Amino acid sequence: MKSFLEEMVEIKGGNNLILCHDQADSDAIGAAYALSRYIGGTIGVPQEVANHTNRLLEELEMTVVYNPATCDYENIIVVDTAHMAQLCEVKPIRFLVIDHHSNNQLVQRAEAALYDEVSSTSQLVYRILKQADAPIDRKMALALCAGILTDTIHFHKGDAEAFQTFGELLRVSGLEYEDIQGLYEINQRKDRGAIIDAALSARKATFAGYHILMADLETNIPTYAARALLDLGADASIVGYHNGDEVEIRMYLRNDLQMALNIQAIDIFRSVSSLKKGKTWGYSLFAGYRSNQGRLDVIFDELLTEFHRHLIDE
């Protein structure tokens, strides 16, 4: 039986599609970019990339094909994806998988898989490159470091391999930590002010000693604001943005709260009735929501009820 590296060597230079999940985050984008630099191929996303990846895409000068036709490619490698639903209408029949998420439902259907429940898919791509003794330049290192940084929530969590890989990538590329962190900094004074206002006006609830902060913004940067509230000490940070009928919500959980809840962040969103009309995505410690209708006050109340149910009632 061929190793996964042998599978990659065999398709190197071929007609390859490296397919990310919809709302592709930095881990999906970073892993796909670095892998594409090794085996060659097109990077595809079903519909949209996550807003927070825009700076990374610019730095990598990376082209993404949206809604790719899978029939146009001989080899399809699905990265950082656990469920077929995350691929929307772009559903390959034959594919390989590289992923780190728990409860992956694609591995058994894949022709070959590199699957390990580590902190990020970027770590797994780095394993491939290291085993192949492939050169890693500054952009490849930036891509993989970005994936590790965001999927560890800026090292609020992470296994030993995540820290080791991140350090090795900095060393071989000459990058500094600040180079990666800078991809996600808010530079505009207006945006920093919006985050401060959100923190000062945040609604707080405490259940079983866990602190939940909720805030709404007038600026469409809920991911950055939710990260900031987590950094302030929240165990769960929920930030919403609305503009007319448009609604965006992001939520982060700390690892100990997620373990106490015994439910993934994305499943909390899926349990709330007022979030069923829009689009949800995420994983164990992060969830996102987007809709063209909805009321933040109603959604926040239902989310609080869900936290109360898991932490107090059960």
Protein backbone atom coordinates (compact mmCIF):
# COMPACT_ATOMS: atom_id res chain seq x y z
CA MET A 1 0.00 0.00 0.00
CA LYS A 2 1.37 3.41 -0.99
CA SER A 3 2.11 6.00 1.65
CA PHE A 4 0.37 9.34 1.38
CA LEU A 5 3.64 10.96 0.35
CA GLU A 6 3.92 8.44 -2.47
CA GLU A 7 0.41 9.42 -3.54
CA MET A 8 1.50 13.06 -3.67
CA VAL A 9 4.67 12.26 -5.61
CA GLU A 10 2.62 10.28 -8.13
CA ILE A 11 0.28 13.19 -8.93
CA LYS A 12 2.95 15.88 -8.75
CA GLY A 13 2.74 18.07 -11.84
CA GLY A 14 -0.62 16.59 -12.83
CA ASN A 15 -4.03 18.13 -13.41
CA ASN A 16 -4.76 18.73 -9.73
CA LEU A 17 -7.50 20.56 -7.87
CA ILE A 18 -6.80 21.37 -4.23
CA LEU A 19 -10.25 21.97 -2.81
CA CYS A 20 -10.95 23.92 0.39
CA HIS A 21 -14.20 24.06 2.33
CA ASP A 22 -16.53 26.98 1.80
CA GLN A 23 -15.73 30.06 3.89
CA ALA A 24 -12.15 28.83 3.65
CA ASP A 25 -10.15 30.00 6.65
CA SER A 26 -6.43 30.61 6.95
CA ASP A 27 -5.69 26.98 7.73
CA ALA A 28 -7.47 25.78 4.59
CA ILE A 29 -5.92 28.53 2.45
CA GLY A 30 -2.44 28.13 3.92
CA ALA A 31 -2.43 24.34 3.61
CA ALA A 32 -3.77 24.49 0.05
CA TYR A 33 -1.23 27.09 -1.02
CA ALA A 34 1.78 25.24 0.37
CA LEU A 35 0.58 21.93 -1.08
CA SER A 36 -0.01 23.53 -4.48
CA ARG A 37 3.55 24.81 -4.49
CA TYR A 38 4.74 21.22 -4.08
CA ILE A 39 2.45 19.18 -6.32
CA GLY A 40 1.12 21.95 -8.56
CA GLY A 41 -2.54 22.59 -9.28
CA THR A 42 -5.50 24.88 -8.92
CA ILE A 43 -6.84 26.00 -5.55
CA GLY A 44 -10.63 25.92 -5.40
CA VAL A 45 -13.28 27.16 -2.97
CA PRO A 46 -17.01 26.43 -3.36
CA GLN A 47 -18.34 29.97 -2.88
CA GLU A 48 -16.38 32.31 -0.62
CA VAL A 49 -13.26 32.62 1.49
CA ALA A 50 -13.48 33.92 5.05
CA ASN A 51 -13.02 37.68 5.34
CA HIS A 52 -10.02 37.32 7.63
CA THR A 53 -8.00 35.63 4.88
CA ASN A 54 -7.97 38.64 2.56
CA ARG A 55 -4.61 39.96 3.72
CA LEU A 56 -3.07 36.48 3.52
CA LEU A 57 -4.32 36.05 -0.05
CA GLU A 58 -2.77 39.40 -0.97
CA GLU A 59 0.58 38.53 0.59
CA LEU A 60 0.65 35.17 -1.19
CA GLU A 61 -0.49 36.72 -4.49
CA MET A 62 -2.75 33.72 -4.64
CA THR A 63 -5.46 32.96 -7.18
CA VAL A 64 -8.56 31.08 -6.07
CA VAL A 65 -11.08 29.48 -8.42
CA TYR A 66 -14.63 29.66 -7.12
CA ASN A 67 -17.17 26.90 -7.77
CA PRO A 68 -14.66 24.77 -9.69
CA ALA A 69 -15.97 22.02 -11.96
CA THR A 70 -14.56 18.83 -10.47
CA CYS A 71 -14.92 17.00 -13.79
CA ASP A 72 -12.18 19.23 -15.22
CA TYR A 73 -9.52 17.73 -12.94
CA GLU A 74 -7.86 14.36 -12.85
CA ASN A 75 -6.87 14.52 -9.18
CA ILE A 76 -8.77 16.24 -6.35
CA ILE A 77 -7.28 16.75 -2.91
CA VAL A 78 -9.78 17.99 -0.31
CA VAL A 79 -8.05 19.90 2.49
CA ASP A 80 -9.19 20.95 5.96
CA THR A 81 -12.70 19.61 5.38
CA ALA A 82 -14.62 17.14 7.53
CA HIS A 83 -18.07 16.96 5.90
CA MET A 84 -19.33 16.95 2.32
CA ALA A 85 -21.82 19.69 3.27
CA GLN A 86 -18.87 22.08 3.66
CA LEU A 87 -18.25 21.77 -0.08
CA CYS A 88 -21.75 23.02 -0.99
CA GLU A 89 -22.44 22.02 -4.60
CA VAL A 90 -18.80 21.18 -5.40
CA LYS A 91 -18.96 17.49 -4.55
CA PRO A 92 -16.20 15.32 -6.03
CA ILE A 93 -16.77 11.62 -6.52
CA ARG A 94 -13.11 10.56 -6.34
CA PHE A 95 -10.77 12.44 -4.03
CA LEU A 96 -7.96 12.37 -1.49
CA VAL A 97 -8.19 14.03 1.92
CA ILE A 98 -5.82 15.94 4.22
CA ASP A 99 -7.57 16.96 7.44
CA HIS A 100 -7.29 17.30 11.21
CA HIS A 101 -10.89 17.72 12.39
CA SER A 102 -12.52 15.21 14.70
CA ASN A 103 -15.45 13.19 13.37
CA ASN A 104 -14.28 13.50 9.78
CA GLN A 105 -16.86 11.91 7.49
CA LEU A 106 -14.80 12.06 4.29
CA VAL A 107 -11.84 9.87 5.25
CA GLN A 108 -13.69 6.58 4.73
CA ARG A 109 -14.85 7.71 1.29
CA ALA A 110 -11.44 8.96 0.16
CA GLU A 111 -9.09 7.00 -2.07
CA ALA A 112 -6.27 7.99 0.28
CA ALA A 113 -6.08 10.20 3.34
CA LEU A 114 -3.63 11.92 5.63
CA TYR A 115 -5.75 12.28 8.73
CA ASP A 116 -4.57 13.15 12.22
CA GLU A 117 -6.43 15.14 14.88
CA VAL A 118 -3.65 17.65 15.45
CA SER A 119 -4.15 21.39 15.82
CA SER A 120 -4.21 22.27 12.11
CA THR A 121 -4.18 20.88 8.60
CA SER A 122 -1.15 23.09 7.91
CA GLN A 123 0.88 20.84 10.21
CA LEU A 124 -0.02 17.84 8.08
CA VAL A 125 1.04 19.58 4.87
CA TYR A 126 4.30 20.53 6.56
CA ARG A 127 4.84 16.83 7.36
CA ILE A 128 4.49 16.03 3.64
CA LEU A 129 6.95 18.75 2.64
CA LYS A 130 9.43 17.70 5.30
CA GLN A 131 9.24 14.02 4.37
CA ALA A 132 9.73 14.95 0.72
CA ASP A 133 12.68 17.19 1.62
CA ALA A 134 10.92 19.90 -0.39
CA PRO A 135 12.26 23.46 -0.22
CA ILE A 136 10.08 25.86 1.76
CA ASP A 137 10.32 29.51 0.82
CA ARG A 138 9.07 32.55 2.67
CA LYS A 139 5.56 32.52 1.17
CA MET A 140 5.03 28.82 1.86
CA ALA A 141 6.16 29.32 5.44
CA LEU A 142 3.90 32.36 5.82
CA ALA A 143 0.94 30.34 4.54
CA LEU A 144 1.52 27.41 6.90
CA CYS A 145 2.26 29.64 9.90
CA ALA A 146 -0.95 31.58 9.25
CA GLY A 147 -2.90 28.34 9.28
CA ILE A 148 -1.35 27.21 12.54
CA LEU A 149 -1.74 30.61 14.22
CA THR A 150 -5.43 30.93 13.45
CA ASP A 151 -6.42 27.34 14.17
CA THR A 152 -4.72 27.50 17.56
CA ILE A 153 -6.59 30.80 18.12
CA HIS A 154 -3.24 32.60 18.30
CA PHE A 155 -1.88 29.83 20.54
CA HIS A 156 -4.67 29.90 23.09
CA LYS A 157 -4.62 26.15 22.46
CA GLY A 158 -2.41 23.79 20.52
CA ASP A 159 -0.46 20.56 20.63
CA ALA A 160 3.31 20.33 20.89
CA GLU A 161 3.67 19.71 17.18
CA ALA A 162 1.92 23.01 16.40
CA PHE A 163 4.47 24.98 18.40
CA GLN A 164 7.39 22.98 17.03
CA THR A 165 6.26 23.29 13.41
CA PHE A 166 5.61 27.01 13.79
CA GLY A 167 9.09 27.52 15.20
CA GLU A 168 10.75 25.44 12.48
CA LEU A 169 8.95 27.42 9.79
CA LEU A 170 10.10 30.71 11.29
CA ARG A 171 13.66 29.43 11.44
CA VAL A 172 13.90 28.09 7.88
CA SER A 173 12.16 31.09 6.31
CA GLY A 174 13.58 34.00 8.27
CA LEU A 175 10.07 35.13 9.21
CA GLU A 176 9.31 36.71 12.57
CA TYR A 177 6.22 36.02 14.64
CA GLU A 178 5.12 39.60 14.00
CA ASP A 179 5.04 38.92 10.25
CA ILE A 180 2.28 36.38 10.73
CA GLN A 181 0.50 38.23 13.51
CA GLY A 182 0.45 41.31 11.29
CA LEU A 183 -1.83 39.53 8.83
CA TYR A 184 -4.62 39.78 11.39
CA GLU A 185 -4.00 43.13 13.03
CA ILE A 186 -6.51 45.91 12.71
CA ASN A 187 -4.64 48.98 11.54
CA GLN A 188 -7.41 51.46 10.86
CA ARG A 189 -8.14 53.76 13.79
CA LYS A 190 -11.89 53.51 13.11
CA ASP A 191 -11.84 49.73 13.38
CA ARG A 192 -9.82 49.79 16.59
CA GLY A 193 -12.34 52.24 18.00
CA ALA A 194 -15.21 49.95 17.03
CA ILE A 195 -13.59 47.06 18.88
CA ILE A 196 -13.08 49.21 21.98
CA ASP A 197 -16.72 50.32 21.85
CA ALA A 198 -17.82 46.70 21.51
CA ALA A 199 -15.77 45.70 24.55
CA LEU A 200 -17.09 48.57 26.66
CA SER A 201 -20.72 47.90 25.75
CA ALA A 202 -20.56 44.11 25.78
CA ARG A 203 -23.33 42.19 27.48
CA LYS A 204 -22.00 39.72 30.03
CA ALA A 205 -23.51 36.51 31.36
CA THR A 206 -21.88 34.01 33.72
CA PHE A 207 -22.95 30.38 33.96
CA ALA A 208 -21.13 27.87 36.17
CA GLY A 209 -18.22 30.30 36.45
CA TYR A 210 -17.80 30.72 32.67
CA HIS A 211 -17.99 34.27 31.32
CA ILE A 212 -19.85 34.91 28.07
CA LEU A 213 -19.49 38.28 26.35
CA MET A 214 -21.78 39.43 23.56
CA ALA A 215 -21.51 42.63 21.57
CA ASP A 216 -22.72 44.16 18.33
CA LEU A 217 -20.73 46.32 15.93
CA GLU A 218 -21.43 49.03 13.40
CA THR A 219 -18.34 47.94 11.45
CA ASN A 220 -18.15 44.61 9.64
CA ILE A 221 -15.22 43.12 11.55
CA PRO A 222 -16.92 40.61 13.90
CA THR A 223 -14.11 38.03 13.65
CA TYR A 224 -11.48 40.49 14.88
CA ALA A 225 -13.77 41.82 17.60
CA ALA A 226 -14.64 38.33 18.84
CA ARG A 227 -10.92 37.51 19.01
CA ALA A 228 -10.35 40.71 21.02
CA LEU A 229 -13.07 39.82 23.55
CA LEU A 230 -11.54 36.38 23.95
CA ASP A 231 -8.18 38.03 24.60
CA LEU A 232 -9.83 40.20 27.25
CA GLY A 233 -10.71 37.05 29.20
CA ALA A 234 -14.08 35.86 27.90
CA ASP A 235 -14.68 32.12 27.90
CA ALA A 236 -17.09 32.64 25.02
CA SER A 237 -17.12 35.73 22.83
CA ILE A 238 -20.02 36.41 20.47
CA VAL A 239 -19.98 39.45 18.20
CA GLY A 240 -22.60 40.45 15.68
CA TYR A 241 -22.80 42.98 12.87
CA HIS A 242 -25.94 44.08 11.09
CA ASN A 243 -26.49 46.46 8.22
CA GLY A 244 -30.07 46.60 7.07
CA ASP A 245 -31.04 42.98 6.51
CA GLU A 246 -27.44 41.72 6.51
CA VAL A 247 -26.37 39.87 9.66
CA GLU A 248 -22.91 38.48 10.49
CA ILE A 249 -22.04 36.70 13.77
CA ARG A 250 -18.80 35.15 14.98
CA MET A 251 -18.20 33.15 18.15
CA TYR A 252 -15.06 31.84 19.81
CA LEU A 253 -14.90 29.40 22.73
CA ARG A 254 -12.03 28.66 25.06
CA ASN A 255 -10.99 25.05 25.09
CA ASP A 256 -12.02 24.37 28.71
CA LEU A 257 -15.51 25.77 28.09
CA GLN A 258 -15.90 23.68 24.96
CA MET A 259 -14.96 20.59 26.96
CA ALA A 260 -17.43 21.54 29.71
CA LEU A 261 -20.18 22.02 27.12
CA ASN A 262 -19.26 18.75 25.42
CA ILE A 263 -20.44 20.26 22.14
CA GLN A 264 -18.69 22.00 19.28
CA ALA A 265 -19.15 25.71 18.65
CA ILE A 266 -20.67 25.05 15.24
CA ASP A 267 -23.21 22.67 16.79
CA ILE A 268 -24.30 25.39 19.24
CA PHE A 269 -25.12 27.61 16.26
CA ARG A 270 -26.94 24.76 14.54
CA SER A 271 -29.09 24.23 17.66
CA VAL A 272 -30.43 27.80 17.67
CA SER A 273 -33.68 28.17 15.73
CA SER A 274 -33.09 31.79 14.70
CA LEU A 275 -29.83 30.76 12.98
CA LYS A 276 -31.39 28.07 10.79
CA LYS A 277 -32.35 30.42 7.94
CA GLY A 278 -28.81 31.58 7.27
CA LYS A 279 -25.46 29.97 6.61
CA THR A 280 -23.37 28.54 9.46
CA TRP A 281 -19.84 27.18 9.44
CA GLY A 282 -17.06 26.48 11.92
CA TYR A 283 -15.53 23.79 14.09
CA SER A 284 -15.06 22.99 17.77
CA LEU A 285 -13.89 26.40 19.02
CA PHE A 286 -15.24 28.78 16.36
CA ALA A 287 -18.52 29.35 14.56
CA GLY A 288 -19.68 31.84 11.97
CA TYR A 289 -23.09 32.85 10.70
CA ARG A 290 -24.30 34.93 7.77
CA SER A 291 -27.83 35.77 6.70
CA ASN A 292 -29.83 38.41 4.87
CA GLN A 293 -32.34 38.48 7.71
CA GLY A 294 -32.29 38.24 11.48
CA ARG A 295 -32.31 40.21 14.74
CA LEU A 296 -29.19 40.19 16.86
CA ASP A 297 -31.07 40.64 20.14
CA VAL A 298 -33.18 37.56 19.47
CA ILE A 299 -30.18 35.53 18.34
CA PHE A 300 -28.12 36.55 21.37
CA ASP A 301 -30.97 35.58 23.73
CA GLU A 302 -31.31 32.17 22.10
CA LEU A 303 -27.56 31.58 22.27
CA LEU A 304 -27.59 32.43 25.98
CA THR A 305 -30.44 29.97 26.48
CA GLU A 306 -28.38 27.31 24.74
CA PHE A 307 -25.35 27.98 26.99
CA HIS A 308 -27.60 27.89 30.07
CA ARG A 309 -29.09 24.59 28.95
CA HIS A 310 -25.69 22.93 28.57
CA LEU A 311 -24.00 24.42 31.62
CA ILE A 312 -26.83 24.65 34.17
CA ASP A 313 -29.82 22.56 33.15
CA GLU A 314 -28.00 19.37 32.13
